[in-house]
Protein backbone atom coordinates (compact mmCIF):
# COMPACT_ATOMS: atom_id res chain seq x y z
CA MET A 1 0.00 0.00 0.00
CA GLN A 2 1.31 3.43 -0.97
CA THR A 3 0.33 6.46 1.12
CA GLY A 4 1.30 10.09 0.69
CA THR A 5 3.49 11.96 3.15
CA ASP A 6 0.77 14.43 4.12
CA THR A 7 -1.94 11.82 4.60
CA THR A 8 0.39 9.57 6.59
CA LEU A 9 1.23 12.53 8.81
CA ALA A 10 -2.49 13.18 9.29
CA VAL A 11 -3.13 9.66 10.57
CA LEU A 12 0.01 9.67 12.72
CA SER A 13 -0.85 13.02 14.31
CA HIS A 14 -4.26 11.69 15.39
CA LEU A 15 -2.75 8.50 16.80
CA ILE A 16 -0.20 10.56 18.74
CA GLY A 17 -2.68 13.20 19.89
CA ASN A 18 -5.26 10.71 21.12
CA GLU A 19 -2.74 8.50 22.93
CA LEU A 20 -1.11 11.47 24.66
CA ALA A 21 -4.54 12.81 25.59
CA SER A 22 -5.27 9.48 27.25
CA GLN A 23 -1.89 9.44 29.03
CA ARG A 24 -2.20 13.03 30.24
CA ALA A 25 -5.96 13.17 30.84
CA ALA A 26 -6.10 16.14 28.46
CA GLY A 27 -8.02 17.17 25.36
CA SER A 28 -6.74 15.72 22.08
CA SER A 29 -7.40 18.60 19.66
CA ASP A 30 -4.39 20.75 20.59
CA LEU A 31 -2.12 17.69 20.78
CA VAL A 32 -3.18 16.61 17.27
CA THR A 33 -2.40 20.11 15.99
CA ARG A 34 1.04 20.07 17.63
CA ALA A 35 1.82 16.63 16.20
CA SER A 36 0.76 17.80 12.73
CA ALA A 37 3.45 20.49 12.87
CA GLY A 38 6.17 17.81 12.95
CA GLY A 39 9.53 18.13 14.66
CA SER A 40 11.04 16.30 17.60
CA LEU A 41 8.81 14.23 19.84
CA ARG A 42 11.10 14.82 22.82
CA ASP A 43 12.31 18.39 22.35
CA GLY A 44 9.45 19.80 20.31
CA PRO A 45 6.08 21.21 21.46
CA LEU A 46 4.78 17.75 22.44
CA ALA A 47 7.59 17.26 25.02
CA VAL A 48 7.15 13.48 25.05
CA ASP A 49 8.98 11.62 27.81
CA SER A 50 10.49 8.13 27.48
CA ILE A 51 7.45 6.33 28.90
CA GLU A 52 5.11 8.21 26.57
CA GLN A 53 7.32 7.40 23.58
CA LEU A 54 7.04 3.70 24.42
CA ALA A 55 3.25 4.03 24.51
CA LEU A 56 3.21 5.93 21.21
CA ALA A 57 5.46 3.34 19.56
CA ARG A 58 3.11 0.57 20.69
CA VAL A 59 0.05 2.36 19.27
CA VAL A 60 1.74 3.17 15.95
CA ASN A 61 3.09 -0.37 15.53
CA GLU A 62 -0.32 -1.82 16.37
CA PHE A 63 -2.04 0.38 13.79
CA PHE A 64 0.46 0.13 10.91
CA ASP A 65 1.84 -3.40 11.51
CA LEU A 66 5.46 -2.20 11.39
CA GLU A 67 6.63 -5.36 13.14
CA ALA A 68 5.95 -7.30 9.92
CA SER A 69 8.70 -5.35 8.14
CA GLY A 70 11.04 -5.23 11.16
CA LEU A 71 10.74 -1.46 11.40
CA ASP A 72 8.98 -1.25 14.76
CA GLU A 73 12.25 -1.08 16.74
CA TRP A 74 13.18 2.12 14.90
CA LEU A 75 10.25 3.91 16.53
CA LEU A 76 12.34 3.90 19.71
CA ARG A 77 15.55 4.97 17.95
CA LYS A 78 14.05 7.87 16.02
CA ASP A 79 12.43 10.79 17.78
CA THR A 80 11.12 13.07 15.03
CA ILE A 81 7.65 12.86 13.57
CA GLU A 82 9.12 13.11 10.07
CA ASP A 83 11.23 9.99 10.75
CA TRP A 84 8.15 8.13 11.96
CA VAL A 85 6.22 9.13 8.82
CA ALA A 86 9.05 7.75 6.67
CA LEU A 87 9.10 4.49 8.66
CA ILE A 88 5.34 4.07 8.29
CA ARG A 89 5.41 4.68 4.54
CA GLU A 90 8.28 2.22 4.13
CA GLY A 91 6.47 -0.39 6.21
CA LEU A 92 3.22 -0.04 4.28
CA ALA A 93 5.05 -0.38 0.98
CA ASP A 94 7.08 -3.41 2.07
CA GLY A 95 5.82 -5.93 4.58
CA ALA A 96 2.72 -4.63 6.36
CA ARG A 97 -0.16 -7.09 6.19
CA HIS A 98 -2.99 -5.21 7.81
CA ILE A 99 -4.12 -2.04 9.57
CA GLY A 100 -5.20 -2.43 13.20
CA PHE A 101 -8.30 -0.54 14.25
CA ARG A 102 -9.65 -0.37 17.78
CA SER A 103 -13.41 -0.66 18.10
CA GLY A 104 -15.12 2.19 19.91
CA GLY A 105 -16.06 0.07 22.93
CA THR A 106 -19.76 0.66 22.33
CA THR A 107 -20.66 -2.84 23.50
CA GLY A 108 -17.71 -3.53 25.80
CA ASP A 109 -13.95 -3.05 26.02
CA PRO A 110 -12.35 -1.73 22.80
CA LYS A 111 -11.08 -4.62 20.67
CA LEU A 112 -8.26 -4.66 18.13
CA ASN A 113 -9.47 -5.56 14.64
CA ARG A 114 -6.85 -6.27 11.99
CA ILE A 115 -8.18 -5.54 8.50
CA PRO A 116 -6.04 -6.98 5.66
CA LEU A 117 -4.53 -4.41 3.31
CA PRO A 118 -6.04 -6.03 0.17
CA GLN A 119 -9.52 -5.59 1.65
CA LEU A 120 -8.88 -1.90 2.39
CA GLU A 121 -7.41 -1.37 -1.08
CA ALA A 122 -10.41 -3.04 -2.75
CA GLU A 123 -12.83 -0.90 -0.78
CA VAL A 124 -11.09 2.40 -1.43
CA ALA A 125 -10.80 1.58 -5.16
CA LEU A 126 -14.58 1.12 -5.28
CA ILE A 127 -15.15 4.37 -3.37
CA ALA A 128 -12.75 6.29 -5.60
CA GLY A 129 -14.58 5.11 -8.70
CA ALA A 130 -17.90 6.36 -7.32
CA PHE A 131 -16.51 9.72 -6.15
CA ALA A 132 -14.02 10.49 -8.92
CA ASP A 133 -15.43 14.02 -9.32
CA ARG A 134 -14.57 15.15 -5.78
CA ARG A 135 -11.97 17.92 -5.47
CA ARG A 136 -11.32 17.79 -1.71
CA ILE A 137 -12.01 15.46 1.21
CA ILE A 138 -13.08 17.07 4.49
CA GLY A 139 -12.64 14.46 7.21
CA VAL A 140 -14.71 15.30 10.27
CA ALA A 141 -14.47 11.59 11.10
CA PRO A 142 -10.95 11.09 12.53
CA PRO A 143 -8.51 9.12 10.34
CA HIS A 144 -7.40 6.61 12.98
CA HIS A 145 -10.86 5.00 12.90
CA ILE A 146 -11.58 2.66 9.99
CA TYR A 147 -14.37 4.77 8.48
CA GLY A 148 -12.35 7.98 8.67
CA PHE A 149 -9.23 6.19 7.39
CA LEU A 150 -10.89 4.73 4.29
CA TRP A 151 -12.93 7.80 3.37
CA GLY A 152 -10.23 10.27 4.43
CA PRO A 153 -6.51 9.77 3.74
CA LEU A 154 -6.86 6.63 1.60
CA LEU A 155 -9.54 8.17 -0.61
CA ALA A 156 -7.65 11.47 -0.88
CA ASP A 157 -4.53 9.61 -2.02
CA ALA A 158 -6.54 7.54 -4.51
CA LEU A 159 -8.11 10.68 -6.01
CA ASP A 160 -4.97 12.81 -5.60
CA VAL A 161 -6.93 15.59 -3.88
CA PRO A 162 -6.33 17.56 -0.65
CA TYR A 163 -7.39 16.06 2.67
CA CYS A 164 -8.51 18.26 5.58
CA HIS A 165 -8.63 16.83 9.10
CA GLY A 166 -8.74 17.91 12.73
CA ASP A 167 -9.78 21.47 13.60
CA MET A 168 -9.42 22.56 9.98
CA ALA A 169 -11.93 19.94 8.87
CA HIS A 170 -14.49 21.10 11.42
CA ARG A 171 -14.15 24.67 10.15
CA TYR A 172 -14.38 23.82 6.45
CA ALA A 173 -17.18 21.27 6.91
CA LEU A 174 -19.59 23.94 8.13
CA ASP A 175 -19.17 25.91 4.91
CA PRO A 176 -17.81 23.50 2.27
CA ALA A 177 -16.96 24.47 -1.30
CA PRO A 178 -18.30 22.99 -4.55
CA GLY A 179 -16.65 19.64 -5.20
CA ASP A 180 -16.09 18.86 -1.50
CA LEU A 181 -16.93 15.52 0.08
CA VAL A 182 -17.72 15.90 3.79
CA VAL A 183 -17.04 12.71 5.76
CA ALA A 184 -18.86 12.83 9.10
CA PHE A 185 -21.18 10.88 11.40
CA PRO A 186 -24.87 11.15 12.36
CA GLU A 187 -24.54 13.39 15.41
CA TRP A 188 -22.45 15.91 13.46
CA TRP A 189 -24.88 15.83 10.55
CA ARG A 190 -27.76 16.42 12.97
CA TYR A 191 -25.94 19.50 14.26
CA ARG A 192 -25.28 20.74 10.70
CA SER A 193 -28.91 20.19 9.67
CA ALA A 194 -30.07 22.51 12.48
CA ARG A 195 -27.97 25.45 11.27
CA ASP A 196 -29.67 28.15 9.23
CA THR A 197 -26.90 28.20 6.62
CA GLY A 198 -27.50 26.13 3.49
CA PHE A 199 -25.04 24.47 1.12
CA SER A 200 -23.49 25.66 -2.10
CA ALA A 201 -24.13 23.52 -5.17
CA GLY A 202 -21.95 20.48 -5.80
CA ILE A 203 -21.36 19.28 -2.22
CA ALA A 204 -21.71 15.63 -1.20
CA GLY A 205 -21.76 14.01 2.22
CA VAL A 206 -21.04 10.60 3.73
CA THR A 207 -22.24 9.23 7.05
CA SER A 208 -21.49 6.06 8.98
CA THR A 209 -20.74 4.62 12.48
CA ALA A 210 -24.46 4.57 13.44
CA PRO A 211 -27.86 4.92 11.72
CA CYS A 212 -28.52 8.43 10.46
CA PRO A 213 -32.19 9.43 10.94
CA PRO A 214 -33.95 9.92 7.58
CA GLU A 215 -35.33 13.27 8.73
CA VAL A 216 -31.77 14.55 9.23
CA ILE A 217 -30.79 13.54 5.70
CA ARG A 218 -33.94 15.12 4.25
CA ALA A 219 -33.26 18.34 6.17
CA LEU A 220 -29.72 18.46 4.76
CA GLU A 221 -31.02 17.90 1.24
CA ASP A 222 -33.56 20.68 1.77
CA LYS A 223 -30.64 22.96 2.62
CA GLY A 224 -28.97 22.13 -0.69
CA LEU A 225 -26.74 19.10 -0.03
CA ASP A 226 -26.42 17.35 -3.39
CA ALA A 227 -26.23 13.78 -2.10
CA MET A 228 -25.74 11.78 1.08
CA THR A 229 -24.19 8.32 1.07
CA GLU A 230 -24.83 6.10 4.08
CA VAL A 231 -22.26 3.37 4.75
CA TYR A 232 -23.11 0.28 6.77
CA GLY A 233 -20.24 -1.58 8.43
CA SER A 234 -18.13 -1.77 11.58
CA SER A 235 -14.57 -1.70 12.90
CA GLU A 236 -14.55 -5.49 12.61
CA THR A 237 -15.64 -5.63 8.96
CA GLY A 238 -14.96 -2.33 7.24
CA GLY A 239 -17.70 -1.13 4.92
CA ILE A 240 -20.26 -3.78 4.02
CA ALA A 241 -22.96 -1.92 2.09
CA TRP A 242 -24.08 1.57 1.11
CA ARG A 243 -27.06 3.54 -0.13
CA SER A 244 -27.86 7.02 -1.40
CA ASP A 245 -31.52 7.16 -0.35
CA PRO A 246 -32.66 6.51 3.25
CA ALA A 247 -35.91 5.03 1.91
CA SER A 248 -34.02 2.32 -0.01
CA PRO A 249 -32.19 -0.79 1.22
CA PHE A 250 -28.39 -0.96 1.37
CA THR A 251 -26.48 -2.53 -1.53
CA LEU A 252 -23.50 -4.79 -0.81
CA LEU A 253 -20.09 -3.46 -1.79
CA ASN A 254 -18.53 -5.48 -4.60
CA HIS A 255 -16.15 -7.50 -2.40
CA TRP A 256 -18.98 -8.91 -0.25
CA GLU A 257 -21.58 -11.58 -1.00
CA ARG A 258 -24.43 -13.16 0.93
CA ALA A 259 -23.56 -16.52 2.52
CA ASN A 260 -26.89 -18.21 1.67
CA ASP A 261 -26.44 -20.96 4.25
CA GLY A 262 -29.31 -20.24 6.59
CA ASP A 263 -27.56 -17.64 8.74
CA ALA A 264 -28.95 -14.26 7.68
CA SER A 265 -26.06 -12.37 9.31
CA SER A 266 -23.28 -14.34 7.58
CA LEU A 267 -21.35 -12.87 4.66
CA PHE A 268 -18.44 -13.98 2.51
CA LEU A 269 -15.53 -11.65 1.85
CA ARG A 270 -14.23 -12.10 -1.69
CA PRO A 271 -12.06 -13.40 -3.27
CA LEU A 272 -11.25 -16.10 -0.69
CA LYS A 273 -14.82 -16.36 0.62
CA THR A 274 -13.77 -15.67 4.19
CA ARG A 275 -16.81 -16.01 6.43
CA VAL A 276 -17.69 -12.86 8.40
CA THR A 277 -20.61 -12.21 10.74
CA ALA A 278 -22.29 -8.82 10.42
CA PRO A 279 -22.76 -6.79 13.62
CA ASP A 280 -26.54 -6.74 13.11
CA GLU A 281 -29.34 -9.05 12.17
CA LEU A 282 -29.85 -8.56 8.43
CA HIS A 283 -33.10 -8.55 6.47
CA TRP A 284 -32.34 -9.52 2.87
CA HIS A 285 -34.41 -8.13 0.00
CA ASP A 286 -32.46 -10.11 -2.59
CA GLN A 287 -28.90 -11.41 -3.04
CA ARG A 288 -27.34 -7.94 -3.03
CA THR A 289 -29.62 -5.66 -0.99
CA LEU A 290 -30.32 -5.65 2.73
CA THR A 291 -31.62 -3.67 5.69
CA PRO A 292 -29.96 -3.91 9.13
CA ALA A 293 -32.59 -5.10 11.62
CA GLY A 294 -30.96 -4.33 14.97
CA ARG A 295 -27.85 -5.41 16.85
CA ARG A 296 -27.20 -9.10 17.35
CA ASP A 297 -27.56 -10.58 20.82
CA GLY A 298 -25.61 -8.33 23.15
CA ALA A 299 -26.07 -10.47 26.27
CA ILE A 300 -23.27 -10.59 28.83
CA GLN A 301 -22.79 -12.62 31.99
CA VAL A 302 -23.21 -11.25 35.51
CA ALA A 303 -22.73 -13.74 38.34
CA GLY A 304 -23.09 -16.58 35.83
CA THR A 305 -26.39 -15.24 34.48
CA ASN A 306 -26.96 -13.92 30.95
CA VAL A 307 -28.27 -10.36 31.06
CA ASP A 308 -29.09 -7.97 28.21
CA PRO A 309 -27.88 -4.39 28.89
CA ALA A 310 -30.01 -2.99 26.05
CA ALA A 311 -33.19 -4.53 27.46
CA ILE A 312 -32.33 -3.26 30.93
CA GLY A 313 -31.83 0.21 29.49
CA ARG A 314 -35.27 0.04 27.91
CA THR A 315 -36.75 -0.86 31.31
CA LEU A 316 -35.16 2.23 32.84
CA VAL A 317 -36.37 4.49 30.00
CA GLU A 318 -39.92 3.38 30.77
CA HIS A 319 -39.66 5.40 34.00
CA PRO A 320 -41.32 8.80 33.43
CA ASP A 321 -38.36 10.70 34.91
CA VAL A 322 -35.82 9.16 32.48
CA ALA A 323 -35.24 10.68 29.02
CA GLU A 324 -32.34 8.46 27.90
CA CYS A 325 -30.28 5.69 29.42
CA ALA A 326 -27.24 3.54 28.62
CA VAL A 327 -26.29 0.39 30.53
CA ARG A 328 -23.02 -1.50 30.42
CA SER A 329 -20.83 -3.73 32.56
CA PHE A 330 -17.86 -2.81 34.71
CA GLU A 331 -15.49 -4.77 36.89
CA THR A 332 -15.80 -4.73 40.67
CA GLY A 333 -13.82 -6.57 43.30
CA SER A 334 -16.39 -9.36 43.12
CA GLY A 335 -16.73 -9.66 39.33
CA SER A 336 -18.74 -7.92 36.61
CA ARG A 337 -21.77 -5.82 37.51
CA LEU A 338 -23.90 -3.32 35.63
CA LYS A 339 -23.87 0.47 35.72
CA ALA A 340 -26.37 2.91 34.21
CA PHE A 341 -25.91 6.40 32.81
CA VAL A 342 -29.19 8.31 33.02
CA VAL A 343 -30.27 11.54 31.33
CA PRO A 344 -33.13 12.87 33.49
CA ALA A 345 -36.29 14.06 31.76
CA ALA A 346 -36.27 17.22 33.88
CA ASP A 347 -34.13 19.03 36.43
CA GLY A 348 -34.43 17.70 39.93
CA ASP A 349 -32.62 16.22 42.87
CA ARG A 350 -30.32 13.46 41.61
CA GLU A 351 -30.21 11.68 44.97
CA THR A 352 -33.99 11.40 45.02
CA LEU A 353 -34.06 10.21 41.40
CA GLU A 354 -31.45 7.54 42.09
CA LYS A 355 -33.47 6.24 45.04
CA THR A 356 -36.59 6.15 42.85
CA LEU A 357 -34.78 4.29 40.07
CA ARG A 358 -33.38 1.70 42.46
CA GLU A 359 -36.91 1.00 43.65
CA TRP A 360 -38.02 0.80 40.00
CA VAL A 361 -35.41 -1.80 38.99
CA ASN A 362 -35.81 -3.78 42.23
CA ALA A 363 -39.47 -4.28 41.36
CA ARG A 364 -38.83 -5.26 37.72
CA LEU A 365 -35.41 -6.89 37.38
CA THR A 366 -33.56 -9.83 38.87
CA THR A 367 -30.52 -9.20 41.06
CA PRO A 368 -27.92 -9.74 38.26
CA GLU A 369 -29.89 -7.39 35.99
CA ARG A 370 -30.00 -4.48 38.44
CA PRO A 371 -27.42 -1.71 37.94
CA VAL A 372 -25.40 -1.21 41.11
CA ARG A 373 -24.13 2.20 40.03
CA PHE A 374 -26.04 5.15 38.60
CA ASP A 375 -24.44 8.16 36.92
CA PHE A 376 -26.30 11.21 35.65
CA GLY A 377 -25.72 13.86 33.01
CA THR A 378 -27.40 16.10 30.45
CA ALA A 379 -26.46 13.81 27.53
CA LEU A 380 -25.25 10.26 27.05
CA PRO A 381 -21.44 9.99 26.81
CA ARG A 382 -20.26 9.69 23.21
CA ASN A 383 -16.87 9.44 21.53
CA GLU A 384 -15.53 11.61 18.72
CA LEU A 385 -17.54 9.57 16.19
CA GLY A 386 -20.78 10.21 18.03
CA LYS A 387 -21.02 6.61 19.24
CA LEU A 388 -21.87 5.71 22.82
CA SER A 389 -18.73 5.41 24.93
CA ASP A 390 -17.78 4.34 28.41
CA TRP A 391 -17.98 6.61 31.43
């Protein structure tokens, strides 16, 4: 795989910025900007110490598979961002077998998913053919996630057009120019649809990571957006299918085919017919078109009992004082238990609401199903892609 210097730097700067933000309990935006400027990791504006450099080397090797080409050790010998960009480009051109993406942790701990380079190359070639008229890619979706990586730096390299990311992308995406392709996610598109400003002619959008409400897409089209492409897929699979009309089913991308063996969620990845399970139950309209019909069984075990966090969340939302709720597991000294993040329907005393909710779940749920911890806020916690995240 060949990647450009600028696009490689873009991905690297996000990997560095997000890892340092995690290490330092700081915001990532400024760190991404500093990394994008290049220079020394140690003596430059990032002021990375030896422990942080080890962590950064691990993340970069995990993402770009530099170990396959024997270049990973040089991440500890070199300390400039320009040197790391050169190592990454060399590794991708000679030896790397896959790109490693971490899932968002929506349904549990983030998991490393290694997507083979031929699969990524096949997908971006298909995308480039469909969007050959685009003059610039504006990547609101960050490039170290699979969706942002495919539709951002890889697509920009394939089309030989500029790629905007980070703070610059957020600025340009609000007022894009003719020929731009804006790569974002449903929550960002919802925000953009509520703005009074319309779109110039010749602007296209892409959305993924979660279902985008049809009314949001229609509102964007009413404001002048030429076209919106929805992509269905996941960190585990890459893109599976796409559509350009929210009223129509999704169409499989060319490198996927239906398994046809009785399991509606099974797919084959061409050309080797590798079996892959989709993240959702799938309703098939024919051999090439489908509609996702909800997440597959998300049950987990608490004290040896299968419990369904989504169903428990629905039970909590039935309470009149709850507007939204998310439930997930966490580790305690005595094993896994459940916690709930609640968005109250109205202002009020949180202590009183928690007492009321405990009485509510005690009357409706078994002991393993009952959240033992309640957290409250004005909105559910979401990551930079707009997906539910841990708290």
